[in-house]
Amino acid sequence: MAHMRSSLRVAMSAAFAAAVIAGSVSPAMASSASASSAAGGSVASAPLDGEKDVRQWMSDNGISAATQDGLIAKMKAGKALDATTGAAPVSTTTNVANGFKTTRSVYADGSVSIIQVEQPKATSGGISPQASVDGCSVNSGSGYSTYRGCVVRGANPIVSASFRTDFQILKGTYDKISFAGYPDITTRAASWDNLDLQKIRMTESPNGDAQVALVAKITQSAGGQTLRQYQGKLIFFLGKDKYSVTNAL
């Protein structure tokens, strides 16, 4: 049964809600799952369910009004935004601020995706990092670094999602993910269902990186009618002594 609620809230600190990927689903969207469009109307002319929230997210993340119009038209036609497909971006910028490493990617159609990974803070001596305000910590020694409670986030104009993970980077042997949990998801102009945190491979091996994936079925709608359904994914990879994240939410 489709969940028409906008988000799944779990026991996470309110500090985790970074403004850069914040979003919500309008009450109108939540009540429109089985509603039909107005008499004489069409999906093409009907506003997206939650269009205001989509435009707000786009504005907050640097998408111009003209580009927003094109992306909204694309969504209303039932077409996928490039930021939701895992396509290669045309430009990417990365910075570290407010306890997170943030990567902003821009795609050929003008859509944007955001990836954030929480970073532990270093002590004044810069030798042994400690827990950050949000709880991510690392314990390092000869040949190893153990990270605990670090948040992984992803967002695009339609979906924002996150989870927490513990992992080990081990020099000279296979890296390991020891925990993944606390999934959270919010949708705009869409609903979600079947939220899952898949532990695909917890230890790096000759077959590939360790990886966990937050997955959910996303249903976009306008005028109460379904425009597009797809499986959104936020994947954390760990291998060769480094991590990476793929955002195809």
Protein backbone atom coordinates (compact mmCIF):
# COMPACT_ATOMS: atom_id res chain seq x y z
CA MET A 1 0.00 0.00 0.00
CA ALA A 2 1.49 3.31 -1.08
CA HIS A 3 2.54 5.61 1.72
CA MET A 4 1.25 9.09 0.88
CA ARG A 5 2.96 10.63 3.83
CA SER A 6 5.84 12.95 3.01
CA SER A 7 8.58 11.50 5.22
CA LEU A 8 9.68 8.73 7.53
CA ARG A 9 11.11 10.22 10.69
CA VAL A 10 13.47 8.24 12.85
CA ALA A 11 15.51 8.85 15.98
CA MET A 12 17.93 11.35 14.50
CA SER A 13 19.03 14.71 15.90
CA ALA A 14 17.24 17.75 14.55
CA ALA A 15 20.67 19.07 13.70
CA PHE A 16 20.84 16.55 10.85
CA ALA A 17 18.31 18.51 8.80
CA ALA A 18 20.62 20.53 6.55
CA ALA A 19 18.88 23.41 4.83
CA VAL A 20 20.55 22.63 1.53
CA ILE A 21 18.49 19.47 1.06
CA ALA A 22 15.44 20.31 3.17
CA GLY A 23 12.01 19.76 1.63
CA SER A 24 8.45 18.75 2.35
CA VAL A 25 5.38 17.39 0.63
CA SER A 26 2.30 19.55 0.46
CA PRO A 27 -0.92 18.34 2.11
CA ALA A 28 -2.58 18.54 -1.30
CA MET A 29 -0.19 15.96 -2.67
CA ALA A 30 -0.77 13.60 0.22
CA SER A 31 -4.51 13.59 -0.37
CA SER A 32 -4.41 13.29 -4.14
CA ALA A 33 -3.33 9.69 -4.70
CA SER A 34 -6.72 8.46 -5.82
CA ALA A 35 -8.21 11.74 -6.97
CA SER A 36 -8.93 12.41 -10.63
CA SER A 37 -8.09 15.66 -12.41
CA ALA A 38 -10.72 18.36 -12.63
CA ALA A 39 -13.41 17.92 -15.25
CA GLY A 40 -12.18 19.01 -18.65
CA GLY A 41 -8.56 19.32 -17.41
CA SER A 42 -5.51 17.33 -18.42
CA VAL A 43 -2.33 16.16 -16.74
CA ALA A 44 -0.32 18.43 -19.05
CA SER A 45 -2.21 21.54 -17.86
CA ALA A 46 -2.60 20.52 -14.21
CA PRO A 47 0.02 21.73 -11.73
CA LEU A 48 2.37 19.17 -10.28
CA ASP A 49 1.19 17.89 -6.93
CA GLY A 50 3.57 19.81 -4.67
CA GLU A 51 4.97 22.02 -7.44
CA LYS A 52 5.57 24.88 -5.00
CA ASP A 53 7.86 22.65 -2.92
CA VAL A 54 9.79 21.58 -6.04
CA ARG A 55 10.32 25.19 -7.11
CA GLN A 56 11.41 26.17 -3.61
CA TRP A 57 14.03 23.41 -3.55
CA MET A 58 15.26 24.45 -6.99
CA SER A 59 15.54 28.09 -5.91
CA ASP A 60 17.37 27.12 -2.72
CA ASN A 61 19.85 25.13 -4.78
CA GLY A 62 20.66 27.74 -7.41
CA ILE A 63 18.39 26.78 -10.33
CA SER A 64 17.16 29.81 -12.30
CA ALA A 65 13.46 30.52 -12.83
CA ALA A 66 13.74 29.90 -16.58
CA THR A 67 15.44 26.54 -16.04
CA GLN A 68 12.83 25.67 -13.42
CA ASP A 69 10.07 26.19 -15.99
CA GLY A 70 11.75 23.77 -18.38
CA LEU A 71 12.28 21.16 -15.68
CA ILE A 72 8.67 21.45 -14.47
CA ALA A 73 7.45 21.00 -18.06
CA LYS A 74 9.67 17.93 -18.39
CA MET A 75 8.26 16.45 -15.18
CA LYS A 76 4.67 17.13 -16.28
CA ALA A 77 5.40 15.26 -19.52
CA GLY A 78 6.38 12.22 -17.45
CA LYS A 79 10.06 12.47 -18.43
CA ALA A 80 12.95 11.81 -16.08
CA LEU A 81 15.10 14.68 -14.84
CA ASP A 82 18.75 13.91 -15.53
CA ALA A 83 19.51 14.31 -11.81
CA THR A 84 17.31 11.30 -11.03
CA THR A 85 18.90 8.89 -13.50
CA GLY A 86 22.53 8.57 -12.42
CA ALA A 87 23.63 10.27 -15.66
CA ALA A 88 27.05 11.92 -15.84
CA PRO A 89 26.91 15.58 -14.73
CA VAL A 90 28.24 18.43 -16.85
CA SER A 91 29.80 20.11 -13.81
CA THR A 92 30.56 19.22 -10.19
CA THR A 93 31.72 21.27 -7.22
CA THR A 94 32.73 19.99 -3.78
CA ASN A 95 33.30 21.80 -0.50
CA VAL A 96 33.51 21.01 3.20
CA ALA A 97 31.46 23.22 5.54
CA ASN A 98 29.26 22.87 8.62
CA GLY A 99 30.48 19.35 9.28
CA PHE A 100 29.62 17.93 5.84
CA LYS A 101 31.44 17.29 2.59
CA THR A 102 28.96 18.51 -0.02
CA THR A 103 29.06 17.70 -3.73
CA ARG A 104 26.75 19.67 -6.05
CA SER A 105 26.30 18.28 -9.57
CA VAL A 106 24.61 20.04 -12.49
CA TYR A 107 23.22 18.03 -15.41
CA ALA A 108 22.61 18.70 -19.09
CA ASP A 109 18.93 19.57 -18.56
CA GLY A 110 19.79 22.02 -15.76
CA SER A 111 18.68 19.78 -12.90
CA VAL A 112 20.86 19.53 -9.79
CA SER A 113 21.73 16.78 -7.34
CA ILE A 114 23.31 17.12 -3.91
CA ILE A 115 25.40 14.55 -2.03
CA GLN A 116 26.52 15.12 1.56
CA VAL A 117 28.69 12.94 3.79
CA GLU A 118 29.17 13.94 7.42
CA GLN A 119 32.78 14.62 8.41
CA PRO A 120 34.29 14.11 11.88
CA LYS A 121 36.04 17.10 13.36
CA ALA A 122 39.74 17.04 14.21
CA THR A 123 41.14 18.10 17.55
CA SER A 124 43.17 21.28 17.79
CA GLY A 125 46.33 19.23 17.30
CA GLY A 126 44.94 17.78 14.09
CA ILE A 127 46.06 14.26 15.01
CA SER A 128 43.09 12.36 16.41
CA PRO A 129 39.64 13.40 15.13
CA GLN A 130 36.78 13.34 17.60
CA ALA A 131 33.01 13.23 17.36
CA SER A 132 31.37 16.09 15.52
CA VAL A 133 28.28 17.93 16.73
CA ASP A 134 26.02 15.55 14.80
CA GLY A 135 27.74 12.45 16.13
CA CYS A 136 30.08 11.30 13.36
CA SER A 137 33.37 10.14 14.88
CA VAL A 138 36.55 8.43 13.75
CA ASN A 139 39.16 6.44 15.63
CA SER A 140 42.43 6.07 13.74
CA GLY A 141 45.52 4.00 14.35
CA SER A 142 48.30 2.31 12.45
CA GLY A 143 46.74 1.14 9.20
CA TYR A 144 43.10 1.70 10.07
CA SER A 145 40.37 4.34 10.50
CA THR A 146 37.01 3.42 12.04
CA TYR A 147 34.13 5.82 11.34
CA ARG A 148 30.92 5.66 13.38
CA GLY A 149 27.50 7.26 13.06
CA CYS A 150 28.23 9.23 9.89
CA VAL A 151 25.28 10.56 7.89
CA VAL A 152 25.03 10.05 4.12
CA ARG A 153 22.55 12.32 2.32
CA GLY A 154 21.32 12.74 -1.22
CA ALA A 155 18.80 15.10 -2.81
CA ASN A 156 17.40 16.33 -6.12
CA PRO A 157 14.30 18.40 -6.99
CA ILE A 158 12.02 15.42 -6.25
CA VAL A 159 13.57 13.43 -3.38
CA SER A 160 15.73 14.01 -0.30
CA ALA A 161 16.98 10.94 1.61
CA SER A 162 19.60 9.94 4.15
CA PHE A 163 20.92 7.15 6.36
CA ARG A 164 23.73 6.57 8.85
CA THR A 165 26.67 4.24 8.50
CA ASP A 166 29.67 2.85 10.39
CA PHE A 167 32.67 1.72 8.33
CA GLN A 168 36.35 0.83 8.50
CA ILE A 169 39.14 1.79 6.11
CA LEU A 170 41.86 -0.85 6.48
CA LYS A 171 45.25 -0.46 4.83
CA GLY A 172 46.47 -3.60 3.10
CA THR A 173 43.20 -5.50 3.39
CA TYR A 174 39.51 -5.20 2.54
CA ASP A 175 37.48 -2.25 3.82
CA LYS A 176 34.28 -2.98 5.74
CA ILE A 177 30.85 -1.48 6.38
CA SER A 178 29.79 -2.59 9.85
CA PHE A 179 26.42 -0.82 10.12
CA ALA A 180 23.82 1.00 8.04
CA GLY A 181 20.50 2.23 9.42
CA TYR A 182 18.14 5.10 10.25
CA PRO A 183 16.78 5.65 6.71
CA ASP A 184 14.88 8.88 6.11
CA ILE A 185 13.09 10.10 2.98
CA THR A 186 11.12 13.17 1.87
CA THR A 187 9.43 13.70 -1.50
CA ARG A 188 8.24 16.71 -3.50
CA ALA A 189 5.60 16.40 -6.27
CA ALA A 190 5.76 12.67 -5.61
CA SER A 191 5.03 9.93 -3.09
CA TRP A 192 7.26 7.09 -1.94
CA ASP A 193 6.76 3.42 -1.14
CA ASN A 194 8.82 0.33 -0.28
CA LEU A 195 11.64 2.20 1.47
CA ASP A 196 14.52 -0.20 2.14
CA LEU A 197 18.18 -0.06 3.12
CA GLN A 198 19.85 -2.87 1.19
CA LYS A 199 23.13 -4.25 2.52
CA ILE A 200 24.46 -5.41 -0.82
CA ARG A 201 28.00 -6.25 0.25
CA MET A 202 29.31 -5.35 3.70
CA THR A 203 32.97 -6.20 3.04
CA GLU A 204 35.04 -5.22 0.01
CA SER A 205 36.04 -8.25 -2.04
CA PRO A 206 37.54 -9.20 -5.40
CA ASN A 207 33.97 -8.91 -6.69
CA GLY A 208 33.79 -5.21 -5.89
CA ASP A 209 33.40 -2.50 -3.29
CA ALA A 210 31.40 -2.88 -0.12
CA GLN A 211 28.09 -1.12 -0.66
CA VAL A 212 24.77 -0.30 0.93
CA ALA A 213 21.85 1.31 -0.90
CA LEU A 214 18.79 3.21 0.24
CA VAL A 215 16.07 2.37 -2.28
CA ALA A 216 12.43 3.41 -2.65
CA LYS A 217 9.72 3.41 -5.29
CA ILE A 218 8.99 7.00 -6.31
CA THR A 219 5.69 8.00 -7.95
CA GLN A 220 5.43 11.46 -9.52
CA SER A 221 1.97 12.92 -10.04
CA ALA A 222 0.00 15.91 -11.34
CA GLY A 223 -3.69 16.56 -10.94
CA GLY A 224 -3.90 13.35 -8.94
CA GLN A 225 -2.69 11.28 -11.89
CA THR A 226 0.53 9.28 -12.05
CA LEU A 227 3.15 10.74 -14.38
CA ARG A 228 6.12 8.45 -13.76
CA GLN A 229 7.24 5.67 -11.43
CA TYR A 230 10.85 4.67 -10.83
CA GLN A 231 13.15 3.18 -8.23
CA GLY A 232 15.26 5.85 -6.57
CA LYS A 233 18.65 4.89 -5.10
CA LEU A 234 21.26 6.45 -2.83
CA ILE A 235 24.32 4.16 -2.78
CA PHE A 236 27.36 4.28 -0.49
CA PHE A 237 30.47 2.52 -1.85
CA LEU A 238 33.58 1.64 0.16
CA GLY A 239 36.75 0.17 -1.33
CA LYS A 240 40.43 0.76 -2.03
CA ASP A 241 40.66 2.84 1.16
CA LYS A 242 38.09 5.43 0.12
CA TYR A 243 34.33 5.92 -0.11
CA SER A 244 32.04 7.36 -2.76
CA VAL A 245 28.30 8.00 -3.09
CA THR A 246 25.99 7.69 -6.10
CA ASN A 247 22.76 9.70 -6.00
CA ALA A 248 20.04 8.42 -8.35
CA LEU A 249 17.07 9.26 -6.13
